[in-house]
Amino acid sequence: MELNGLTFTRAAITHDLLDCGEALDICVASYDDRAVDGKSVIVIAQENGETRWCLEVRENRLVQYKGQRNSTPTGSDLQTALAYARQTKLSIQTSDLGRGYRAAPGSALPEFVDEQNLPF
């Protein structure tokens, strides 16, 4: 999926996690067990082939949206992150996108979608 100059792609192999972690200086490579077990889907957002953001999705919930050294998006990057969540119909359950956008505790989550049908 492309949005505002970013290409969002699901990490397909463990090396994708290693490359993303190295590029952003984050620990996403340690999520390999979660990804293999299907507990998390890792999505990598790139701009012109350069890794900019790493997202963690669990059961249609966006739970992490991290940039360089675990930074969080601001300005136009934040607007793109929110647009991505809207377009993919993900519930936002992370403070990475600002307190005002965090889902209320106990709020109904969207029905679980088989991960084969996810839009990334």
N, C-alpha and C. Protein backbone atom coordinates (compact mmCIF):
# COMPACT_ATOMS: atom_id res chain seq x y z
N MET A 1 0.84 -1.18 0.00
CA MET A 1 0.00 0.00 0.00
C MET A 1 0.89 1.24 0.00
N GLU A 2 0.52 2.23 -0.81
CA GLU A 2 1.26 3.49 -0.84
C GLU A 2 0.39 4.61 -0.31
N LEU A 3 1.01 5.49 0.47
CA LEU A 3 0.28 6.59 1.08
C LEU A 3 1.25 7.73 1.36
N ASN A 4 1.00 8.88 0.78
CA ASN A 4 1.80 10.08 1.03
C ASN A 4 3.30 9.86 0.88
N GLY A 5 3.69 9.13 -0.16
CA GLY A 5 5.10 8.89 -0.43
C GLY A 5 5.71 7.73 0.32
N LEU A 6 4.94 7.09 1.18
CA LEU A 6 5.43 5.91 1.91
C LEU A 6 4.84 4.65 1.32
N THR A 7 5.66 3.60 1.24
CA THR A 7 5.20 2.29 0.83
C THR A 7 5.17 1.40 2.06
N PHE A 8 4.00 0.90 2.41
CA PHE A 8 3.81 0.04 3.58
C PHE A 8 3.81 -1.41 3.11
N THR A 9 4.73 -2.21 3.66
CA THR A 9 4.88 -3.60 3.25
C THR A 9 5.00 -4.48 4.48
N ARG A 10 4.31 -5.58 4.45
CA ARG A 10 4.40 -6.55 5.54
C ARG A 10 5.77 -7.23 5.50
N ALA A 11 6.42 -7.33 6.66
CA ALA A 11 7.70 -8.05 6.73
C ALA A 11 7.43 -9.52 6.40
N ALA A 12 8.18 -10.04 5.44
CA ALA A 12 7.92 -11.39 4.97
C ALA A 12 8.84 -12.43 5.60
N ILE A 13 10.06 -12.02 5.93
CA ILE A 13 11.03 -12.96 6.49
C ILE A 13 11.77 -12.30 7.65
N THR A 14 12.43 -13.12 8.44
CA THR A 14 13.16 -12.62 9.60
C THR A 14 14.19 -11.56 9.22
N HIS A 15 14.79 -11.71 8.05
CA HIS A 15 15.79 -10.72 7.62
C HIS A 15 15.17 -9.34 7.43
N ASP A 16 13.89 -9.28 7.10
CA ASP A 16 13.21 -7.98 7.01
C ASP A 16 13.23 -7.29 8.37
N LEU A 17 13.01 -8.07 9.43
CA LEU A 17 13.03 -7.51 10.79
C LEU A 17 14.43 -7.06 11.16
N LEU A 18 15.42 -7.85 10.80
CA LEU A 18 16.81 -7.48 11.08
C LEU A 18 17.19 -6.20 10.36
N ASP A 19 16.85 -6.13 9.08
CA ASP A 19 17.18 -4.94 8.28
C ASP A 19 16.47 -3.69 8.83
N CYS A 20 15.19 -3.84 9.18
CA CYS A 20 14.43 -2.72 9.71
C CYS A 20 15.01 -2.26 11.05
N GLY A 21 15.31 -3.21 11.92
CA GLY A 21 15.88 -2.88 13.22
C GLY A 21 17.21 -2.16 13.09
N GLU A 22 18.00 -2.61 12.15
CA GLU A 22 19.30 -1.97 11.91
C GLU A 22 19.13 -0.56 11.35
N ALA A 23 18.22 -0.40 10.41
CA ALA A 23 18.00 0.90 9.79
C ALA A 23 17.47 1.93 10.77
N LEU A 24 16.59 1.50 11.69
CA LEU A 24 15.96 2.43 12.62
C LEU A 24 16.58 2.43 14.01
N ASP A 25 17.53 1.52 14.23
CA ASP A 25 18.16 1.37 15.54
C ASP A 25 17.11 1.07 16.61
N ILE A 26 16.28 0.04 16.31
CA ILE A 26 15.24 -0.42 17.23
C ILE A 26 15.34 -1.94 17.37
N CYS A 27 14.61 -2.50 18.32
CA CYS A 27 14.74 -3.93 18.64
C CYS A 27 13.69 -4.82 17.96
N VAL A 28 13.18 -4.43 16.81
CA VAL A 28 12.13 -5.19 16.16
C VAL A 28 12.57 -6.61 15.80
N ALA A 29 13.85 -6.87 15.65
CA ALA A 29 14.31 -8.23 15.34
C ALA A 29 13.93 -9.21 16.45
N SER A 30 13.77 -8.71 17.67
CA SER A 30 13.40 -9.59 18.78
C SER A 30 11.93 -10.00 18.70
N TYR A 31 11.18 -9.47 17.74
CA TYR A 31 9.77 -9.80 17.57
C TYR A 31 9.58 -10.98 16.63
N ASP A 32 10.66 -11.63 16.21
CA ASP A 32 10.56 -12.70 15.23
C ASP A 32 9.65 -13.83 15.69
N ASP A 33 9.72 -14.20 16.97
CA ASP A 33 8.85 -15.28 17.47
C ASP A 33 7.38 -14.88 17.39
N ARG A 34 7.07 -13.64 17.76
CA ARG A 34 5.68 -13.15 17.68
C ARG A 34 5.17 -13.19 16.24
N ALA A 35 6.03 -12.79 15.32
CA ALA A 35 5.63 -12.76 13.91
C ALA A 35 5.44 -14.17 13.37
N VAL A 36 6.37 -15.06 13.68
CA VAL A 36 6.29 -16.44 13.21
C VAL A 36 5.06 -17.13 13.79
N ASP A 37 4.76 -16.87 15.08
CA ASP A 37 3.61 -17.48 15.74
C ASP A 37 2.27 -16.85 15.33
N GLY A 38 2.33 -15.76 14.56
CA GLY A 38 1.11 -15.10 14.13
C GLY A 38 0.50 -14.19 15.17
N LYS A 39 1.23 -13.91 16.25
CA LYS A 39 0.72 -13.02 17.28
C LYS A 39 0.82 -11.56 16.87
N SER A 40 1.77 -11.25 16.02
CA SER A 40 1.97 -9.88 15.53
C SER A 40 2.27 -9.91 14.04
N VAL A 41 1.85 -8.85 13.38
CA VAL A 41 2.23 -8.62 11.99
C VAL A 41 3.09 -7.37 12.02
N ILE A 42 4.27 -7.44 11.43
CA ILE A 42 5.17 -6.29 11.37
C ILE A 42 5.07 -5.69 9.98
N VAL A 43 4.83 -4.38 9.94
CA VAL A 43 4.72 -3.65 8.68
C VAL A 43 5.84 -2.62 8.65
N ILE A 44 6.52 -2.54 7.52
CA ILE A 44 7.64 -1.61 7.36
C ILE A 44 7.23 -0.53 6.35
N ALA A 45 7.39 0.72 6.74
CA ALA A 45 7.07 1.84 5.86
C ALA A 45 8.37 2.44 5.34
N GLN A 46 8.49 2.50 4.01
CA GLN A 46 9.70 3.02 3.37
C GLN A 46 9.36 4.20 2.46
N GLU A 47 10.33 5.08 2.35
CA GLU A 47 10.23 6.21 1.43
C GLU A 47 11.44 6.15 0.52
N ASN A 48 11.20 6.01 -0.78
CA ASN A 48 12.28 5.88 -1.76
C ASN A 48 13.28 4.79 -1.37
N GLY A 49 12.77 3.66 -0.88
CA GLY A 49 13.61 2.53 -0.51
C GLY A 49 14.28 2.63 0.84
N GLU A 50 14.11 3.75 1.53
CA GLU A 50 14.71 3.94 2.86
C GLU A 50 13.67 3.69 3.94
N THR A 51 14.00 2.85 4.91
CA THR A 51 13.08 2.53 5.99
C THR A 51 12.85 3.74 6.87
N ARG A 52 11.60 4.10 7.07
CA ARG A 52 11.23 5.27 7.89
C ARG A 52 10.50 4.89 9.17
N TRP A 53 9.60 3.87 9.07
CA TRP A 53 8.74 3.51 10.20
C TRP A 53 8.57 2.01 10.29
N CYS A 54 8.31 1.54 11.50
CA CYS A 54 8.02 0.13 11.74
C CYS A 54 6.74 0.07 12.57
N LEU A 55 5.79 -0.73 12.12
CA LEU A 55 4.50 -0.84 12.78
C LEU A 55 4.30 -2.26 13.28
N GLU A 56 3.66 -2.37 14.42
CA GLU A 56 3.26 -3.69 14.92
C GLU A 56 1.74 -3.70 14.98
N VAL A 57 1.16 -4.75 14.39
CA VAL A 57 -0.29 -4.93 14.36
C VAL A 57 -0.62 -6.25 15.03
N ARG A 58 -1.58 -6.20 15.94
CA ARG A 58 -2.08 -7.41 16.60
C ARG A 58 -3.60 -7.41 16.52
N GLU A 59 -4.16 -8.44 15.92
CA GLU A 59 -5.61 -8.61 15.83
C GLU A 59 -6.33 -7.32 15.43
N ASN A 60 -5.91 -6.73 14.34
CA ASN A 60 -6.52 -5.51 13.80
C ASN A 60 -6.34 -4.29 14.70
N ARG A 61 -5.35 -4.35 15.58
CA ARG A 61 -5.03 -3.21 16.43
C ARG A 61 -3.62 -2.74 16.11
N LEU A 62 -3.47 -1.47 15.83
CA LEU A 62 -2.15 -0.88 15.64
C LEU A 62 -1.59 -0.60 17.03
N VAL A 63 -0.57 -1.37 17.43
CA VAL A 63 -0.07 -1.26 18.81
C VAL A 63 1.28 -0.55 18.91
N GLN A 64 1.99 -0.42 17.79
CA GLN A 64 3.24 0.33 17.78
C GLN A 64 3.43 0.99 16.42
N TYR A 65 4.02 2.19 16.45
CA TYR A 65 4.35 2.91 15.23
C TYR A 65 5.64 3.66 15.55
N LYS A 66 6.78 3.06 15.22
CA LYS A 66 8.08 3.57 15.66
C LYS A 66 8.97 3.98 14.50
N GLY A 67 9.74 5.03 14.75
CA GLY A 67 10.72 5.50 13.79
C GLY A 67 12.12 5.33 14.34
N GLN A 68 13.03 6.15 13.86
CA GLN A 68 14.43 6.12 14.28
C GLN A 68 14.53 6.18 15.81
N ARG A 69 15.22 5.20 16.38
CA ARG A 69 15.44 5.11 17.83
C ARG A 69 14.15 5.25 18.63
N ASN A 70 13.12 4.58 18.17
CA ASN A 70 11.80 4.54 18.81
C ASN A 70 11.09 5.89 18.85
N SER A 71 11.43 6.77 17.91
CA SER A 71 10.71 8.04 17.84
C SER A 71 9.27 7.78 17.39
N THR A 72 8.41 8.74 17.63
CA THR A 72 7.02 8.63 17.23
C THR A 72 6.71 9.74 16.22
N PRO A 73 5.74 9.52 15.36
CA PRO A 73 5.48 10.50 14.29
C PRO A 73 4.86 11.80 14.81
N THR A 74 5.22 12.88 14.14
CA THR A 74 4.65 14.20 14.41
C THR A 74 4.33 14.86 13.07
N GLY A 75 3.60 15.94 13.11
CA GLY A 75 3.32 16.71 11.90
C GLY A 75 2.71 15.89 10.80
N SER A 76 3.26 16.03 9.59
CA SER A 76 2.71 15.32 8.44
C SER A 76 2.90 13.80 8.57
N ASP A 77 3.96 13.37 9.27
CA ASP A 77 4.15 11.93 9.50
C ASP A 77 3.02 11.38 10.38
N LEU A 78 2.59 12.16 11.36
CA LEU A 78 1.48 11.73 12.21
C LEU A 78 0.19 11.66 11.40
N GLN A 79 -0.03 12.64 10.54
CA GLN A 79 -1.23 12.63 9.69
C GLN A 79 -1.23 11.41 8.77
N THR A 80 -0.07 11.05 8.24
CA THR A 80 0.04 9.85 7.40
C THR A 80 -0.25 8.60 8.22
N ALA A 81 0.28 8.54 9.43
CA ALA A 81 0.05 7.38 10.30
C ALA A 81 -1.44 7.21 10.59
N LEU A 82 -2.12 8.31 10.89
CA LEU A 82 -3.55 8.25 11.18
C LEU A 82 -4.34 7.86 9.92
N ALA A 83 -3.94 8.38 8.78
CA ALA A 83 -4.59 8.02 7.52
C ALA A 83 -4.40 6.54 7.22
N TYR A 84 -3.20 6.02 7.50
CA TYR A 84 -2.94 4.59 7.29
C TYR A 84 -3.88 3.75 8.16
N ALA A 85 -4.01 4.12 9.42
CA ALA A 85 -4.88 3.37 10.32
C ALA A 85 -6.33 3.42 9.83
N ARG A 86 -6.77 4.58 9.37
CA ARG A 86 -8.14 4.70 8.86
C ARG A 86 -8.34 3.83 7.62
N GLN A 87 -7.41 3.93 6.67
CA GLN A 87 -7.57 3.19 5.41
C GLN A 87 -7.50 1.69 5.59
N THR A 88 -6.72 1.24 6.55
CA THR A 88 -6.59 -0.20 6.79
C THR A 88 -7.59 -0.69 7.84
N LYS A 89 -8.39 0.25 8.38
CA LYS A 89 -9.42 -0.06 9.38
C LYS A 89 -8.84 -0.71 10.63
N LEU A 90 -7.68 -0.20 11.05
CA LEU A 90 -7.06 -0.69 12.28
C LEU A 90 -7.49 0.17 13.46
N SER A 91 -7.76 -0.46 14.55
CA SER A 91 -8.03 0.24 15.80
C SER A 91 -6.68 0.74 16.34
N ILE A 92 -6.62 2.00 16.74
CA ILE A 92 -5.37 2.56 17.26
C ILE A 92 -5.31 2.32 18.77
N GLN A 93 -4.34 1.52 19.18
CA GLN A 93 -4.16 1.23 20.60
C GLN A 93 -2.71 1.43 20.97
N THR A 94 -2.24 2.64 20.72
CA THR A 94 -0.88 3.00 21.05
C THR A 94 -0.81 4.48 21.34
N SER A 95 0.03 4.85 22.28
CA SER A 95 0.24 6.28 22.55
C SER A 95 1.25 6.85 21.55
N ASP A 96 1.80 6.01 20.66
CA ASP A 96 2.75 6.47 19.65
C ASP A 96 2.13 7.52 18.73
N LEU A 97 0.81 7.48 18.58
CA LEU A 97 0.13 8.42 17.69
C LEU A 97 -0.54 9.55 18.46
N GLY A 98 -0.12 9.79 19.66
CA GLY A 98 -0.64 10.88 20.47
C GLY A 98 -1.76 10.42 21.37
N ARG A 99 -1.83 11.00 22.54
CA ARG A 99 -2.85 10.60 23.52
C ARG A 99 -4.26 10.79 23.01
N GLY A 100 -4.49 11.81 22.22
CA GLY A 100 -5.83 12.09 21.72
C GLY A 100 -6.35 11.02 20.78
N TYR A 101 -5.48 10.16 20.26
CA TYR A 101 -5.91 9.17 19.29
C TYR A 101 -5.90 7.76 19.86
N ARG A 102 -5.64 7.64 21.12
CA ARG A 102 -5.59 6.33 21.74
C ARG A 102 -7.00 5.80 21.98
N ALA A 103 -7.23 4.55 21.67
CA ALA A 103 -8.56 3.97 21.87
C ALA A 103 -8.87 3.91 23.36
N ALA A 104 -10.10 4.15 23.70
CA ALA A 104 -10.52 4.11 25.09
C ALA A 104 -10.44 2.68 25.61
N PRO A 105 -10.00 2.49 26.87
CA PRO A 105 -9.94 1.13 27.43
C PRO A 105 -11.33 0.49 27.38
N GLY A 106 -11.35 -0.77 27.01
CA GLY A 106 -12.60 -1.51 26.95
C GLY A 106 -13.44 -1.23 25.73
N SER A 107 -12.93 -0.40 24.81
CA SER A 107 -13.71 -0.11 23.62
C SER A 107 -13.77 -1.35 22.74
N ALA A 108 -14.84 -1.47 22.00
CA ALA A 108 -15.01 -2.64 21.13
C ALA A 108 -13.97 -2.62 20.03
N LEU A 109 -13.37 -3.75 19.80
CA LEU A 109 -12.40 -3.88 18.72
C LEU A 109 -13.11 -4.39 17.48
N PRO A 110 -12.58 -4.07 16.31
CA PRO A 110 -13.20 -4.61 15.10
C PRO A 110 -13.07 -6.13 15.10
N GLU A 111 -13.95 -6.76 14.40
CA GLU A 111 -13.92 -8.21 14.27
C GLU A 111 -12.57 -8.64 13.73
N PHE A 112 -12.05 -9.76 14.23
CA PHE A 112 -10.75 -10.24 13.75
C PHE A 112 -10.86 -10.63 12.29
N VAL A 113 -9.89 -10.20 11.50
CA VAL A 113 -9.85 -10.53 10.08
C VAL A 113 -8.70 -11.51 9.86
N ASP A 114 -8.97 -12.57 9.14
CA ASP A 114 -7.93 -13.54 8.81
C ASP A 114 -6.74 -12.80 8.21
N GLU A 115 -5.54 -13.07 8.70
CA GLU A 115 -4.39 -12.28 8.28
C GLU A 115 -4.11 -12.39 6.79
N GLN A 116 -4.66 -13.35 6.10
CA GLN A 116 -4.50 -13.43 4.65
C GLN A 116 -5.24 -12.28 3.95
N ASN A 117 -6.23 -11.71 4.63
CA ASN A 117 -7.03 -10.64 4.04
C ASN A 117 -6.60 -9.25 4.47
N LEU A 118 -5.52 -9.13 5.22
CA LEU A 118 -5.07 -7.82 5.65
C LEU A 118 -4.56 -7.03 4.45
N PRO A 119 -4.72 -5.71 4.46
CA PRO A 119 -4.38 -4.90 3.29
C PRO A 119 -2.89 -4.56 3.18
N PHE A 120 -2.03 -5.27 3.85
CA PHE A 120 -0.58 -5.00 3.77
C PHE A 120 0.18 -6.28 3.73
